[in-house]
Protein backbone atom coordinates (compact mmCIF):
# COMPACT_ATOMS: atom_id res chain seq x y z
CA MET A 1 92.33 108.78 89.94
CA ILE A 2 91.85 107.49 93.49
CA VAL A 3 88.89 105.14 93.83
CA VAL A 4 87.36 103.80 97.04
CA ASP A 5 88.04 100.08 96.70
CA HIS A 6 86.10 99.18 99.83
CA LEU A 7 83.60 101.04 102.03
CA LEU A 8 83.48 99.50 105.50
CA VAL A 9 81.30 99.85 108.60
CA GLY A 10 81.13 97.95 111.86
CA SER A 11 78.77 97.08 114.71
CA LEU A 12 79.72 96.92 118.37
CA ALA A 13 81.35 93.62 119.36
CA ALA A 14 83.41 92.35 122.28
CA LEU A 15 87.15 92.83 121.84
CA GLY A 16 89.87 91.02 123.79
CA PRO A 17 89.76 88.99 127.02
CA ARG A 18 87.87 91.72 128.87
CA ALA A 19 85.22 91.88 126.14
CA VAL A 20 85.67 95.61 125.64
CA PRO A 21 82.86 96.98 123.40
CA SER A 22 84.42 98.12 120.14
CA GLY A 23 83.45 98.90 116.56
CA ILE A 24 86.96 98.30 115.17
CA ASP A 25 85.91 95.19 113.23
CA LYS A 26 84.78 96.92 110.03
CA ARG A 27 83.34 94.89 107.18
CA PRO A 28 82.89 95.81 103.50
CA VAL A 29 79.37 96.82 102.46
CA SER A 30 77.80 97.06 99.02
CA GLY A 31 75.42 99.68 97.80
CA ARG A 32 75.19 103.33 98.77
CA MET A 33 75.61 104.31 102.42
CA TRP A 34 74.57 107.65 103.85
CA LEU A 35 77.47 109.71 105.16
CA GLY A 36 76.33 112.19 107.83
CA ARG A 37 78.21 114.65 109.99
CA GLU A 38 79.20 111.95 112.50
CA GLY A 39 79.92 109.15 110.05
CA PHE A 40 78.26 106.43 108.04
CA THR A 41 74.85 105.14 108.94
CA GLY A 42 75.25 101.82 110.74
CA ASP A 43 78.87 102.45 111.77
CA ALA A 44 79.47 102.16 115.55
CA GLN A 45 82.20 103.13 118.02
CA GLY A 46 82.55 101.67 121.50
CA ASP A 47 84.26 104.66 123.11
CA LEU A 48 82.65 107.91 122.01
CA LYS A 49 85.05 109.95 124.09
CA HIS A 50 88.02 108.94 121.93
CA HIS A 51 86.45 107.64 118.72
CA GLY A 52 83.93 109.02 116.25
CA GLY A 53 82.32 112.44 116.35
CA PRO A 54 82.31 115.22 113.74
CA GLU A 55 86.12 115.61 113.61
CA LYS A 56 86.67 111.84 113.21
CA ALA A 57 83.61 110.99 111.16
CA VAL A 58 85.47 108.84 108.60
CA HIS A 59 88.69 106.87 108.97
CA HIS A 60 90.81 106.27 105.85
CA TYR A 61 93.63 103.73 105.78
CA PRO A 62 95.83 103.05 102.72
CA PHE A 63 95.70 99.40 101.69
CA GLU A 64 99.27 99.56 100.40
CA HIS A 65 100.45 99.64 104.02
CA TYR A 66 99.17 96.08 104.56
CA ALA A 67 102.16 94.50 102.79
CA GLY A 68 104.56 96.26 105.14
CA TRP A 69 102.62 95.08 108.16
CA ARG A 70 102.67 91.49 106.92
CA ASP A 71 106.45 91.73 106.55
CA GLU A 72 106.73 93.13 110.10
CA ILE A 73 104.29 91.01 112.13
CA GLY A 74 103.59 88.03 109.90
CA THR A 75 100.41 86.78 108.31
CA ALA A 76 97.87 87.93 110.88
CA ALA A 77 94.33 86.86 109.98
CA VAL A 78 93.02 90.43 110.18
CA LEU A 79 95.44 91.47 107.42
CA GLU A 80 93.82 89.14 104.92
CA ARG A 81 91.22 91.77 104.00
CA PRO A 82 90.63 95.53 104.38
CA GLY A 83 89.26 96.65 107.73
CA ALA A 84 92.12 95.49 109.95
CA PHE A 85 92.69 99.02 111.31
CA GLY A 86 89.03 99.92 111.70
CA GLU A 87 89.02 101.98 108.53
CA ASN A 88 85.89 103.12 106.70
CA LEU A 89 87.67 103.77 103.41
CA SER A 90 90.26 101.53 101.81
CA THR A 91 92.18 102.79 98.77
CA ALA A 92 95.47 102.44 96.94
CA GLY A 93 97.58 105.32 95.66
CA LEU A 94 97.19 107.81 98.51
CA THR A 95 99.27 107.85 101.70
CA GLU A 96 100.14 110.15 104.60
CA ALA A 97 102.97 111.65 102.55
CA ASP A 98 100.48 112.76 99.87
CA VAL A 99 97.64 114.03 102.03
CA ALA A 100 97.61 117.29 104.02
CA VAL A 101 95.33 118.59 106.72
CA GLY A 102 92.61 120.66 105.11
CA ASP A 103 92.62 118.71 101.87
CA THR A 104 89.01 118.63 100.69
CA PHE A 105 87.60 115.81 98.56
CA ARG A 106 84.40 115.12 96.75
CA LEU A 107 83.39 111.58 97.73
CA GLY A 108 80.29 110.35 95.96
CA GLY A 109 77.53 112.73 97.02
CA ALA A 110 79.45 113.98 100.06
CA LEU A 111 82.23 116.53 100.62
CA VAL A 112 84.88 115.61 103.18
CA GLN A 113 87.95 117.38 104.59
CA VAL A 114 91.05 115.95 106.29
CA SER A 115 90.91 116.97 109.96
CA GLN A 116 93.80 115.05 111.57
CA GLY A 117 95.87 111.89 111.50
CA ARG A 118 95.10 108.93 113.69
CA ARG A 119 96.47 108.56 117.20
CA PRO A 120 96.73 104.77 117.53
CA CYS A 121 95.41 103.29 120.76
CA TRP A 122 95.68 100.05 122.73
CA LYS A 123 92.71 98.45 121.02
CA LEU A 124 95.00 97.74 118.08
CA ASN A 125 97.05 95.53 120.42
CA LEU A 126 93.95 93.40 121.05
CA ARG A 127 92.84 93.49 117.44
CA PHE A 128 96.13 92.11 116.16
CA GLY A 129 97.17 90.04 119.15
CA VAL A 130 100.45 91.98 119.22
CA SER A 131 101.16 93.62 122.58
CA ASP A 132 102.84 96.72 121.13
CA MET A 133 100.90 97.10 117.87
CA ALA A 134 99.69 100.61 118.73
CA LEU A 135 103.26 101.71 119.40
CA ARG A 136 104.41 100.11 116.15
CA VAL A 137 101.76 102.01 114.20
CA GLN A 138 102.73 105.27 115.88
CA ARG A 139 106.44 104.78 115.23
CA SER A 140 105.86 103.76 111.62
CA GLY A 141 103.87 106.84 110.57
CA ARG A 142 101.46 104.47 108.81
CA THR A 143 98.56 105.72 110.87
CA GLY A 144 95.83 106.61 108.42
CA TRP A 145 93.73 109.78 108.88
CA TYR A 146 90.31 111.17 109.59
CA TYR A 147 87.81 113.36 107.71
CA ARG A 148 85.16 115.78 108.87
CA VAL A 149 82.03 115.90 106.69
CA LEU A 150 81.34 119.30 105.11
CA GLU A 151 78.41 118.12 102.99
CA GLU A 152 76.40 114.99 103.78
CA GLY A 153 75.50 112.56 101.01
CA PRO A 154 75.47 108.98 99.74
CA VAL A 155 78.76 107.13 99.20
CA ALA A 156 79.56 103.70 97.74
CA ALA A 157 82.57 101.54 96.99
CA GLY A 158 83.80 102.45 93.52
CA ASP A 159 83.28 106.18 94.03
CA ALA A 160 86.18 108.42 93.10
CA LEU A 161 87.91 110.50 95.76
CA VAL A 162 88.36 113.79 93.93
CA LEU A 163 90.58 116.55 95.39
CA VAL A 164 88.78 119.89 95.14
CA ASP A 165 90.83 122.12 97.48
CA ARG A 166 94.09 122.24 99.45
CA LEU A 167 94.17 124.63 102.39
CA SER A 168 97.63 123.76 103.75
CA PRO A 169 99.51 121.59 101.26
CA GLU A 170 102.74 122.13 103.21
CA TRP A 171 101.21 120.42 106.30
CA THR A 172 101.14 116.81 105.14
CA LEU A 173 100.12 114.14 107.61
CA THR A 174 103.69 112.90 107.54
CA ARG A 175 104.90 116.32 108.66
CA LEU A 176 102.32 116.42 111.46
CA TRP A 177 103.43 112.92 112.51
CA ARG A 178 107.04 114.07 112.74
CA VAL A 179 106.07 117.01 114.95
CA LEU A 180 103.97 114.82 117.27
CA TYR A 181 106.19 111.76 117.54
CA VAL A 182 109.71 112.41 116.23
CA ASP A 183 110.80 116.04 116.67
CA THR A 184 108.49 116.36 119.65
CA LEU A 185 109.74 119.67 121.05
CA ALA A 186 110.52 121.57 117.83
CA ILE A 187 109.16 124.90 119.09
CA ASP A 188 108.73 126.64 115.73
CA GLN A 189 106.92 123.63 114.32
CA LEU A 190 104.66 123.33 117.34
CA ARG A 191 103.78 127.03 117.17
CA ALA A 192 102.91 126.74 113.49
CA MET A 193 100.89 123.58 114.11
CA SER A 194 98.89 125.23 116.91
CA GLU A 195 97.80 127.94 114.47
CA ILE A 196 96.39 125.73 111.70
CA ALA A 197 92.72 126.71 111.83
CA HIS A 198 91.41 123.63 110.04
CA LEU A 199 93.41 121.15 112.14
CA SER A 200 91.19 119.48 114.73
CA GLU A 201 91.00 121.25 118.09
CA PRO A 202 92.55 118.37 120.14
CA TRP A 203 95.63 118.34 117.90
CA ARG A 204 96.03 122.11 118.11
CA GLN A 205 95.68 121.86 121.89
CA THR A 206 98.41 119.22 122.04
CA ALA A 207 100.78 121.61 120.26
CA ALA A 208 99.75 124.51 122.49
CA LYS A 209 100.25 122.50 125.70
CA ARG A 210 103.73 121.41 124.64
CA LEU A 211 104.61 125.02 123.87
CA ALA A 212 103.46 126.09 127.32
CA SER A 213 105.04 123.24 129.30
CA ARG A 214 108.05 122.38 127.16
CA GLN A 215 107.15 118.76 127.89
CA VAL A 216 105.69 115.88 125.86
CA GLU A 217 102.47 114.38 127.14
CA ASP A 218 102.35 110.81 128.50
CA TRP A 219 101.35 108.36 125.76
CA SER A 220 101.35 105.19 127.85
CA ARG A 221 97.65 105.05 128.73
CA ARG A 222 96.66 105.51 125.09
CA LEU A 223 99.15 102.98 123.74
CA VAL A 224 98.94 100.32 126.47
CA GLY A 225 95.59 100.86 128.16
CA GLU A 226 94.61 100.83 131.82
CA GLU A 227 97.52 98.54 132.73
CA ALA A 228 100.09 101.12 131.67
CA PRO A 229 102.49 102.17 134.45
CA GLN A 230 101.77 105.67 135.67
CA ARG A 231 104.45 108.36 135.81
CA ASP A 232 105.23 109.92 139.19
């Protein structure tokens, strides 16, 4: 049985030398928290264009990945406790290889459904003090994932995460990651990905655009930020 070891939320705070507003610094909370369509009460995001919203209401990151990150980048202070990646749910025993888009879970009094994986962004570079942390996360496949909320309700640390339905068990998050970042122009895979009804619209659009253009979109702005060199 998968149990939520930590439930985490965060307030807006300044991140990095430019004091960018961000809610990435999530902290464990005790007691029951209300989970609504757009996330947990009291949980904030600094950039509502790219973070939060109904399709990214809850971020889940496997705690077992932390050991691998300590091996790779050293003993960063943020890796001393859950919340390093801005996750709302921290668990052990469930990873991207196990979870598929459309998987539906009972979580306390709420019902949630996997909507997409995480597209890491440049704020992770600031969070960890590692200039290419977002790229490392993308290349590793240890990205975590998001849920949409099908039924609102109270949730607390210690609640079980109970699988109640699988809509596309063949489309694990690891498979989606390979299509997006490894086999980036695998036409048959992109076509199938674009037709997954319960995959978030932005991810389906990414697949559709690659099919139409036969090109991979520029990731530099997302991974590096405003200082990324622009393609001609």
